[in-house]
Structures are given as C-alpha cells and as structure tokens.
Amino acid sequence: MKLDILVICAHPDDAELSCSGTLVKAINEGKKVGIVDLTKGEMGTRGTPELRIQEAEKASKIMGLAVRDNLGFADFFFKNDAEHQKEVSRIIRKYKPDLIITNAPEDRHPDHGKGAQLVVDACFMSGLRKVETFEDGKSQEPWRPVNVFHMIQSNFLMPDFVVDVTEEWETKVEAIKAFGSQFFVGEGADAAPGEPQTFISTPQFMQFLEARAREYGQRVGAQFAEGFIKSAPIKVNSILDLI
C-alpha cells in the first residue's frame, strides 16, 4: 500500500498529541495516512506495552488511519545507527510515502530528538539503491520522500508553518484520550487507578495542549492549529503556491 503521508515517531501517542488534527484533515480529504511507532513505550511510568498497543489501535480507528505498525525498538535505549536506520528505511520503502512527519528535532524527552534524526537519516538511506532491504523475502526498490517535516512536542519551537485544525480538534482530543493509561480523560475517570501521576497524566497537561494549539492558531486567525518545522527547503514551482 502506497501512502500519501507516513508519520514515524518514537512512541505510541506522539502523533496523536502533536499532529493528529493534521492527519485527520488529510484523511478527510481522501489521502492515505499511516503511523509507524518506533517503540512500544515500555519505559513509560504508567500502563504496559500491551495496553499501549491496544490504545494505539483504538486511536488509529478514531483517526481513520490506513495502517499502523510498530517496529519494536527498545524504548529509550534505541540508537541512531546503521541497523536501526536500515529497518526504518525498510518501512519507508514498504509504504513509499510522499511526505514523512517525525518527532521534534529537540524536546524534553531524549527519544524525540534522537528519533527525529534517525528518521531523517533513514530517509536519505532509503533512497540509496546500493542499500539492500527486503520485505516478504523480496528486494525493495529505493524510495525517498519529497519532504520530511518535524512535529512540535513538549518544548516550544517556532514553527515554519501551521495547519488549521479547528474542525478536526474534537477528533484529535478523542484520539488522545484513547490512551487512557497515559492521559487525563475526565473527572473521576482515571483509566490507570493506583498508578503514579506523571507530567502528562494531569488535567493541566491537557490544558497545556489546548493552549499551545490556540497560540499557534492565533498567529493565523484560526481557533486551533498544529505547528511543523521543515527539515530542508520546500520546493515550490511558484511563490504563489504559498498563498
């Protein structure tokens, strides 16, 4: 299956938190969109890897994804090395996306910046015809996406552009709350009773997400928006394409 957009990010829930409104908008426009999580988030304070996978499946249905995979890299301990780059290259060649979205280039969680650079490097590798990868025993053809964009996560970063997700906001919130073991889902509705509170499990974190989206939206006259950073110059045929 060829995808229009593929998100490759470190943890289940990274995409939901940072770019799910944009993904839902693209899906509603008829685009094929998928997510590949690098890890199962097994080092997370709350929940279990098995539960995170179930939550990711629920969120995927809410968003309407065409596909969701998990590469099973070691949470926190994965490396940006040839072995991991080659596995990410395999998945890029499998889905042949025109656009890849990945983690923030720097962030509070070290996996985010590390994962971002891993994906950027793998995008270049996947275009090298002398690097061999295989899917179902068959040699894959080289593929390099047209653009790679970074989502913006916990730390504030100035976006290169923002996407108006006002109409998609409620679906985004629903997809985030699919990860009930991780986030605040409503008064008296702790989906992980007895688990310790974390930076992301409080009501204040959900308020922060809304405030960030409102801030980005305010810059462009929208109620809610998601911000992105380009990893390289964006080619346009005419400057008027940017209007």
C-alpha atoms as a PDB file:
ATOM      1  CA  MET A   1       0.000   0.000   0.000  1.00  0.00           C
ATOM      2  CA  LYS A   2       1.400   3.369  -1.025  1.00  0.00           C
ATOM      3  CA  LEU A   3       0.741   6.133   1.495  1.00  0.00           C
ATOM      4  CA  ASP A   4       0.487   9.856   0.934  1.00  0.00           C
ATOM      5  CA  ILE A   5       1.648  10.641   4.485  1.00  0.00           C
ATOM      6  CA  LEU A   6       3.590   8.461   6.908  1.00  0.00           C
ATOM      7  CA  VAL A   7       4.289   9.513  10.488  1.00  0.00           C
ATOM      8  CA  ILE A   8       7.300   7.792  12.043  1.00  0.00           C
ATOM      9  CA  CYS A   9       7.736   8.685  15.708  1.00  0.00           C
ATOM     10  CA  ALA A  10       9.307   7.340  18.871  1.00  0.00           C
ATOM     11  CA  HIS A  11       6.272   6.410  20.974  1.00  0.00           C
ATOM     12  CA  PRO A  12       2.634   5.426  20.630  1.00  0.00           C
ATOM     13  CA  ASP A  13       0.747   8.699  21.306  1.00  0.00           C
ATOM     14  CA  ASP A  14       3.439  11.065  19.924  1.00  0.00           C
ATOM     15  CA  ALA A  15       1.488  11.537  16.699  1.00  0.00           C
ATOM     16  CA  GLU A  16      -1.857  11.873  18.452  1.00  0.00           C
ATOM     17  CA  LEU A  17      -0.527  14.623  20.701  1.00  0.00           C
ATOM     18  CA  SER A  18       1.245  16.660  18.062  1.00  0.00           C
ATOM     19  CA  CYS A  19      -0.155  16.158  14.564  1.00  0.00           C
ATOM     20  CA  SER A  20      -3.358  14.089  14.677  1.00  0.00           C
ATOM     21  CA  GLY A  21      -5.519  17.040  13.653  1.00  0.00           C
ATOM     22  CA  THR A  22      -3.430  17.442  10.511  1.00  0.00           C
ATOM     23  CA  LEU A  23      -3.660  13.708   9.813  1.00  0.00           C
ATOM     24  CA  VAL A  24      -7.440  13.656  10.233  1.00  0.00           C
ATOM     25  CA  LYS A  25      -7.743  16.647   7.886  1.00  0.00           C
ATOM     26  CA  ALA A  26      -5.689  14.840   5.224  1.00  0.00           C
ATOM     27  CA  ILE A  27      -7.722  11.641   5.653  1.00  0.00           C
ATOM     28  CA  ASN A  28     -10.956  13.608   5.281  1.00  0.00           C
ATOM     29  CA  GLU A  29      -9.512  14.981   2.025  1.00  0.00           C
ATOM     30  CA  GLY A  30      -9.086  11.421   0.734  1.00  0.00           C
ATOM     31  CA  LYS A  31      -5.394  10.917   1.481  1.00  0.00           C
ATOM     32  CA  LYS A  32      -3.930   7.618   2.692  1.00  0.00           C
ATOM     33  CA  VAL A  33      -2.186   8.121   6.015  1.00  0.00           C
ATOM     34  CA  GLY A  34      -0.291   5.751   8.303  1.00  0.00           C
ATOM     35  CA  ILE A  35       1.731   5.794  11.515  1.00  0.00           C
ATOM     36  CA  VAL A  36       4.781   3.734  12.436  1.00  0.00           C
ATOM     37  CA  ASP A  37       5.774   3.834  16.111  1.00  0.00           C
ATOM     38  CA  LEU A  38       9.442   3.068  16.732  1.00  0.00           C
ATOM     39  CA  THR A  39       8.866   1.638  20.242  1.00  0.00           C
ATOM     40  CA  LYS A  40       6.040   0.288  22.366  1.00  0.00           C
ATOM     41  CA  GLY A  41       6.647   2.921  25.043  1.00  0.00           C
ATOM     42  CA  GLU A  42       7.576   0.228  27.530  1.00  0.00           C
ATOM     43  CA  MET A  43       9.628   2.600  29.682  1.00  0.00           C
ATOM     44  CA  GLY A  44       6.594   4.770  30.377  1.00  0.00           C
ATOM     45  CA  THR A  45       5.693   5.186  34.053  1.00  0.00           C
ATOM     46  CA  ARG A  46       2.031   4.243  33.585  1.00  0.00           C
ATOM     47  CA  GLY A  47       0.426   1.359  31.744  1.00  0.00           C
ATOM     48  CA  THR A  48       2.050  -1.582  29.926  1.00  0.00           C
ATOM     49  CA  PRO A  49       3.371  -2.129  26.396  1.00  0.00           C
ATOM     50  CA  GLU A  50       0.428  -4.419  25.656  1.00  0.00           C
ATOM     51  CA  LEU A  51      -2.047  -1.785  26.795  1.00  0.00           C
ATOM     52  CA  ARG A  52      -0.279   0.928  24.793  1.00  0.00           C
ATOM     53  CA  ILE A  53      -0.654  -1.178  21.636  1.00  0.00           C
ATOM     54  CA  GLN A  54      -4.383  -1.605  22.310  1.00  0.00           C
ATOM     55  CA  GLU A  55      -4.735   2.123  22.890  1.00  0.00           C
ATOM     56  CA  ALA A  56      -2.861   2.860  19.664  1.00  0.00           C
ATOM     57  CA  GLU A  57      -5.260   0.617  17.754  1.00  0.00           C
ATOM     58  CA  LYS A  58      -8.231   2.464  19.250  1.00  0.00           C
ATOM     59  CA  ALA A  59      -6.742   5.847  18.370  1.00  0.00           C
ATOM     60  CA  SER A  60      -5.994   4.638  14.839  1.00  0.00           C
ATOM     61  CA  LYS A  61      -9.661   3.772  14.297  1.00  0.00           C
ATOM     62  CA  ILE A  62     -10.755   7.150  15.623  1.00  0.00           C
ATOM     63  CA  MET A  63      -8.461   8.928  13.162  1.00  0.00           C
ATOM     64  CA  GLY A  64      -9.223   6.599  10.252  1.00  0.00           C
ATOM     65  CA  LEU A  65      -5.641   5.525   9.524  1.00  0.00           C
ATOM     66  CA  ALA A  66      -4.938   3.223   6.602  1.00  0.00           C
ATOM     67  CA  VAL A  67      -2.220   1.399   8.556  1.00  0.00           C
ATOM     68  CA  ARG A  68      -0.325   1.410  11.837  1.00  0.00           C
ATOM     69  CA  ASP A  69       2.885  -0.523  12.530  1.00  0.00           C
ATOM     70  CA  ASN A  70       5.295  -0.792  15.439  1.00  0.00           C
ATOM     71  CA  LEU A  71       8.989  -1.550  14.870  1.00  0.00           C
ATOM     72  CA  GLY A  72       9.560  -2.719  18.443  1.00  0.00           C
ATOM     73  CA  PHE A  73      12.761  -0.777  19.045  1.00  0.00           C
ATOM     74  CA  ALA A  74      13.900  -0.552  22.684  1.00  0.00           C
ATOM     75  CA  ASP A  75      12.197   2.419  24.322  1.00  0.00           C
ATOM     76  CA  PHE A  76      14.795   4.984  25.497  1.00  0.00           C
ATOM     77  CA  PHE A  77      17.676   2.658  24.536  1.00  0.00           C
ATOM     78  CA  PHE A  78      17.327   2.563  20.733  1.00  0.00           C
ATOM     79  CA  LYS A  79      20.182   4.117  18.770  1.00  0.00           C
ATOM     80  CA  ASN A  80      20.594   6.084  15.595  1.00  0.00           C
ATOM     81  CA  ASP A  81      22.912   3.564  13.986  1.00  0.00           C
ATOM     82  CA  ALA A  82      23.107   1.644  10.717  1.00  0.00           C
ATOM     83  CA  GLU A  83      20.970  -1.240  11.996  1.00  0.00           C
ATOM     84  CA  HIS A  84      18.093   0.976  13.091  1.00  0.00           C
ATOM     85  CA  GLN A  85      18.392   3.225  10.023  1.00  0.00           C
ATOM     86  CA  LYS A  86      18.116   0.205   7.752  1.00  0.00           C
ATOM     87  CA  GLU A  87      14.942  -1.017   9.486  1.00  0.00           C
ATOM     88  CA  VAL A  88      13.335   2.417   9.182  1.00  0.00           C
ATOM     89  CA  SER A  89      14.436   2.500   5.522  1.00  0.00           C
ATOM     90  CA  ARG A  90      12.654  -0.813   5.007  1.00  0.00           C
ATOM     91  CA  ILE A  91       9.380   0.613   6.293  1.00  0.00           C
ATOM     92  CA  ILE A  92       9.776   3.765   4.162  1.00  0.00           C
ATOM     93  CA  ARG A  93      10.306   1.630   1.062  1.00  0.00           C
ATOM     94  CA  LYS A  94       7.332  -0.514   2.024  1.00  0.00           C
ATOM     95  CA  TYR A  95       4.848   2.371   2.119  1.00  0.00           C
ATOM     96  CA  LYS A  96       6.523   4.822  -0.314  1.00  0.00           C
ATOM     97  CA  PRO A  97       5.127   7.989   1.318  1.00  0.00           C
ATOM     98  CA  ASP A  98       5.396  11.342  -0.428  1.00  0.00           C
ATOM     99  CA  LEU A  99       5.566  13.076   2.955  1.00  0.00           C
ATOM    100  CA  ILE A 100       7.044  11.913   6.250  1.00  0.00           C
ATOM    101  CA  ILE A 101       6.345  13.564   9.591  1.00  0.00           C
ATOM    102  CA  THR A 102       8.592  12.725  12.520  1.00  0.00           C
ATOM    103  CA  ASN A 103       9.421  13.852  16.052  1.00  0.00           C
ATOM    104  CA  ALA A 104      10.533  17.317  17.102  1.00  0.00           C
ATOM    105  CA  PRO A 105      14.222  17.957  16.346  1.00  0.00           C
ATOM    106  CA  GLU A 106      14.761  18.668  20.066  1.00  0.00           C
ATOM    107  CA  ASP A 107      12.480  18.134  23.034  1.00  0.00           C
ATOM    108  CA  ARG A 108      12.076  17.335  26.724  1.00  0.00           C
ATOM    109  CA  HIS A 109      12.194  13.566  26.065  1.00  0.00           C
ATOM    110  CA  PRO A 110      15.559  12.490  24.583  1.00  0.00           C
ATOM    111  CA  ASP A 111      13.885   9.854  22.384  1.00  0.00           C
ATOM    112  CA  HIS A 112      12.158  12.600  20.409  1.00  0.00           C
ATOM    113  CA  GLY A 113      15.260  14.348  19.104  1.00  0.00           C
ATOM    114  CA  LYS A 114      17.061  11.030  18.683  1.00  0.00           C
ATOM    115  CA  GLY A 115      14.127   9.518  16.831  1.00  0.00           C
ATOM    116  CA  ALA A 116      13.831  12.587  14.603  1.00  0.00           C
ATOM    117  CA  GLN A 117      17.443  12.359  13.462  1.00  0.00           C
ATOM    118  CA  LEU A 118      17.130   8.597  12.978  1.00  0.00           C
ATOM    119  CA  VAL A 119      14.183   9.109  10.627  1.00  0.00           C
ATOM    120  CA  VAL A 120      15.894  11.938   8.711  1.00  0.00           C
ATOM    121  CA  ASP A 121      18.980   9.768   8.205  1.00  0.00           C
ATOM    122  CA  ALA A 122      16.854   6.758   7.214  1.00  0.00           C
ATOM    123  CA  CYS A 123      15.002   8.869   4.633  1.00  0.00           C
ATOM    124  CA  PHE A 124      18.311   9.541   2.918  1.00  0.00           C
ATOM    125  CA  MET A 125      19.396   5.911   3.230  1.00  0.00           C
ATOM    126  CA  SER A 126      16.150   4.638   1.747  1.00  0.00           C
ATOM    127  CA  GLY A 127      16.972   6.455  -1.487  1.00  0.00           C
ATOM    128  CA  LEU A 128      20.317   4.712  -1.911  1.00  0.00           C
ATOM    129  CA  ARG A 129      19.969   1.904  -4.428  1.00  0.00           C
ATOM    130  CA  LYS A 130      23.040   0.066  -3.107  1.00  0.00           C
ATOM    131  CA  VAL A 131      21.500  -0.316   0.355  1.00  0.00           C
ATOM    132  CA  GLU A 132      19.541  -3.565   0.215  1.00  0.00           C
ATOM    133  CA  THR A 133      16.393  -4.151   2.248  1.00  0.00           C
ATOM    134  CA  PHE A 134      13.812  -6.904   1.944  1.00  0.00           C
ATOM    135  CA  GLU A 135      10.069  -7.226   2.515  1.00  0.00           C
ATOM    136  CA  ASP A 136       8.466 -10.693   2.460  1.00  0.00           C
ATOM    137  CA  GLY A 137      11.697 -12.081   1.048  1.00  0.00           C
ATOM    138  CA  LYS A 138      11.712  -9.682  -1.915  1.00  0.00           C
ATOM    139  CA  SER A 139      14.291  -6.984  -2.532  1.00  0.00           C
ATOM    140  CA  GLN A 140      12.840  -3.477  -2.201  1.00  0.00           C
ATOM    141  CA  GLU A 141      13.233  -0.574  -4.596  1.00  0.00           C
ATOM    142  CA  PRO A 142      14.808   2.671  -3.346  1.00  0.00           C
ATOM    143  CA  TRP A 143      12.395   5.393  -2.236  1.00  0.00           C
ATOM    144  CA  ARG A 144      12.913   8.862  -0.841  1.00  0.00           C
ATOM    145  CA  PRO A 145      10.015  11.075   0.289  1.00  0.00           C
ATOM    146  CA  VAL A 146       9.582  14.518  -1.237  1.00  0.00           C
ATOM    147  CA  ASN A 147       9.531  16.258   2.162  1.00  0.00           C
ATOM    148  CA  VAL A 148      10.236  15.484   5.817  1.00  0.00           C
ATOM    149  CA  PHE A 149       8.576  17.646   8.464  1.00  0.00           C
ATOM    150  CA  HIS A 150       9.009  17.691  12.232  1.00  0.00           C
ATOM    151  CA  MET A 151       6.040  17.893  14.594  1.00  0.00           C
ATOM    152  CA  ILE A 152       6.354  20.187  17.634  1.00  0.00           C
ATOM    153  CA  GLN A 153       6.019  18.450  21.000  1.00  0.00           C
ATOM    154  CA  SER A 154       6.564  19.491  24.615  1.00  0.00           C
ATOM    155  CA  ASN A 155       9.150  22.241  24.209  1.00  0.00           C
ATOM    156  CA  PHE A 156       8.050  25.400  22.442  1.00  0.00           C
ATOM    157  CA  LEU A 157       9.628  25.720  18.998  1.00  0.00           C
ATOM    158  CA  MET A 158       8.788  28.380  16.440  1.00  0.00           C
ATOM    159  CA  PRO A 159       7.000  26.601  13.564  1.00  0.00           C
ATOM    160  CA  ASP A 160       7.852  27.163   9.921  1.00  0.00           C
ATOM    161  CA  PHE A 161       4.178  26.717   9.138  1.00  0.00           C
ATOM    162  CA  VAL A 162       0.969  25.775  10.927  1.00  0.00           C
ATOM    163  CA  VAL A 163      -2.105  23.798   9.880  1.00  0.00           C
ATOM    164  CA  ASP A 164      -5.581  24.965  10.884  1.00  0.00           C
ATOM    165  CA  VAL A 165      -7.152  22.015  12.724  1.00  0.00           C
ATOM    166  CA  THR A 166     -10.171  23.792  14.184  1.00  0.00           C
ATOM    167  CA  GLU A 167     -12.673  21.455  12.552  1.00  0.00           C
ATOM    168  CA  GLU A 168     -10.586  18.403  13.500  1.00  0.00           C
ATOM    169  CA  TRP A 169      -9.940  19.433  17.125  1.00  0.00           C
ATOM    170  CA  GLU A 170     -12.602  17.273  18.784  1.00  0.00           C
ATOM    171  CA  THR A 171     -11.420  14.189  16.883  1.00  0.00           C
ATOM    172  CA  LYS A 172      -7.843  14.953  17.952  1.00  0.00           C
ATOM    173  CA  VAL A 173      -8.871  15.125  21.607  1.00  0.00           C
ATOM    174  CA  GLU A 174     -10.778  11.851  21.269  1.00  0.00           C
ATOM    175  CA  ALA A 175      -7.706  10.167  19.744  1.00  0.00           C
ATOM    176  CA  ILE A 176      -5.503  11.435  22.579  1.00  0.00           C
ATOM    177  CA  LYS A 177      -7.950  10.180  25.203  1.00  0.00           C
ATOM    178  CA  ALA A 178      -7.801   6.724  23.615  1.00  0.00           C
ATOM    179  CA  PHE A 179      -4.526   6.479  25.561  1.00  0.00           C
ATOM    180  CA  GLY A 180      -6.384   6.361  28.855  1.00  0.00           C
ATOM    181  CA  SER A 181      -3.444   4.851  30.727  1.00  0.00           C
ATOM    182  CA  GLN A 182      -1.354   7.924  29.933  1.00  0.00           C
ATOM    183  CA  PHE A 183      -3.607  10.983  29.964  1.00  0.00           C
ATOM    184  CA  PHE A 184      -6.332  12.631  31.976  1.00  0.00           C
ATOM    185  CA  VAL A 185      -9.632  11.526  30.409  1.00  0.00           C
ATOM    186  CA  GLY A 186     -12.179  13.262  32.676  1.00  0.00           C
ATOM    187  CA  GLU A 187     -13.096  13.956  36.281  1.00  0.00           C
ATOM    188  CA  GLY A 188     -13.268  10.755  38.316  1.00  0.00           C
ATOM    189  CA  ALA A 189     -12.253   8.708  35.276  1.00  0.00           C
ATOM    190  CA  ASP A 190      -8.680   7.645  35.979  1.00  0.00           C
ATOM    191  CA  ALA A 191      -8.075   4.852  33.468  1.00  0.00           C
ATOM    192  CA  ALA A 192      -4.983   3.755  35.408  1.00  0.00           C
ATOM    193  CA  PRO A 193      -6.047   3.663  39.076  1.00  0.00           C
ATOM    194  CA  GLY A 194      -3.213   3.259  41.568  1.00  0.00           C
ATOM    195  CA  GLU A 195      -0.589   4.382  39.047  1.00  0.00           C
ATOM    196  CA  PRO A 196       1.603   7.399  39.911  1.00  0.00           C
ATOM    197  CA  GLN A 197       0.783  10.786  38.445  1.00  0.00           C
ATOM    198  CA  THR A 198       3.130  11.984  35.728  1.00  0.00           C
ATOM    199  CA  PHE A 199       3.842  15.138  33.769  1.00  0.00           C
ATOM    200  CA  ILE A 200       1.306  14.093  31.115  1.00  0.00           C
ATOM    201  CA  SER A 201      -1.443  12.478  33.231  1.00  0.00           C
ATOM    202  CA  THR A 202      -2.756  15.648  34.901  1.00  0.00           C
ATOM    203  CA  PRO A 203      -5.629  17.892  33.768  1.00  0.00           C
ATOM    204  CA  GLN A 204      -3.080  20.688  33.424  1.00  0.00           C
ATOM    205  CA  PHE A 205      -1.274  18.842  30.628  1.00  0.00           C
ATOM    206  CA  MET A 206      -4.455  18.652  28.546  1.00  0.00           C
ATOM    207  CA  GLN A 207      -4.964  22.369  29.197  1.00  0.00           C
ATOM    208  CA  PHE A 208      -1.410  22.987  28.006  1.00  0.00           C
ATOM    209  CA  LEU A 209      -2.103  21.129  24.732  1.00  0.00           C
ATOM    210  CA  GLU A 210      -5.160  23.259  24.113  1.00  0.00           C
ATOM    211  CA  ALA A 211      -3.293  26.463  24.957  1.00  0.00           C
ATOM    212  CA  ARG A 212      -0.470  25.556  22.555  1.00  0.00           C
ATOM    213  CA  ALA A 213      -2.947  24.847  19.755  1.00  0.00           C
ATOM    214  CA  ARG A 214      -4.760  28.107  20.455  1.00  0.00           C
ATOM    215  CA  GLU A 215      -1.454  30.008  20.430  1.00  0.00           C
ATOM    216  CA  TYR A 216      -0.446  28.603  17.022  1.00  0.00           C
ATOM    217  CA  GLY A 217      -3.962  29.191  15.761  1.00  0.00           C
ATOM    218  CA  GLN A 218      -3.993  32.795  16.926  1.00  0.00           C
ATOM    219  CA  ARG A 219      -0.999  33.543  14.680  1.00  0.00           C
ATOM    220  CA  VAL A 220      -3.030  32.650  11.580  1.00  0.00           C
ATOM    221  CA  GLY A 221      -6.544  33.619  12.589  1.00  0.00           C
ATOM    222  CA  ALA A 222      -7.684  30.082  13.485  1.00  0.00           C
ATOM    223  CA  GLN A 223      -9.100  28.694  16.712  1.00  0.00           C
ATOM    224  CA  PHE A 224      -6.715  25.703  16.825  1.00  0.00           C
ATOM    225  CA  ALA A 225      -3.591  24.886  14.814  1.00  0.00           C
ATOM    226  CA  GLU A 226      -0.663  22.455  14.798  1.00  0.00           C
ATOM    227  CA  GLY A 227       2.881  23.602  14.082  1.00  0.00           C
ATOM    228  CA  PHE A 228       5.595  21.995  11.959  1.00  0.00           C
ATOM    229  CA  ILE A 229       9.272  22.545  11.195  1.00  0.00           C
ATOM    230  CA  LYS A 230      10.768  21.732   7.809  1.00  0.00           C
ATOM    231  CA  SER A 231      13.950  19.647   7.693  1.00  0.00           C
ATOM    232  CA  ALA A 232      15.017  21.117   4.342  1.00  0.00           C
ATOM    233  CA  PRO A 233      13.895  23.899   1.970  1.00  0.00           C
ATOM    234  CA  ILE A 234      10.479  23.315   0.446  1.00  0.00           C
ATOM    235  CA  LYS A 235      10.334  23.344  -3.349  1.00  0.00           C
ATOM    236  CA  VAL A 236       7.510  25.283  -4.980  1.00  0.00           C
ATOM    237  CA  ASN A 237       7.024  25.962  -8.680  1.00  0.00           C
ATOM    238  CA  SER A 238       5.818  29.487  -7.967  1.00  0.00           C
ATOM    239  CA  ILE A 239       5.880  31.703  -4.916  1.00  0.00           C
ATOM    240  CA  LEU A 240       2.132  32.000  -5.439  1.00  0.00           C
ATOM    241  CA  ASP A 241       1.854  28.326  -4.425  1.00  0.00           C
ATOM    242  CA  LEU A 242       2.375  29.541  -0.863  1.00  0.00           C
ATOM    243  CA  ILE A 243      -0.758  31.679  -0.897  1.00  0.00           C
END
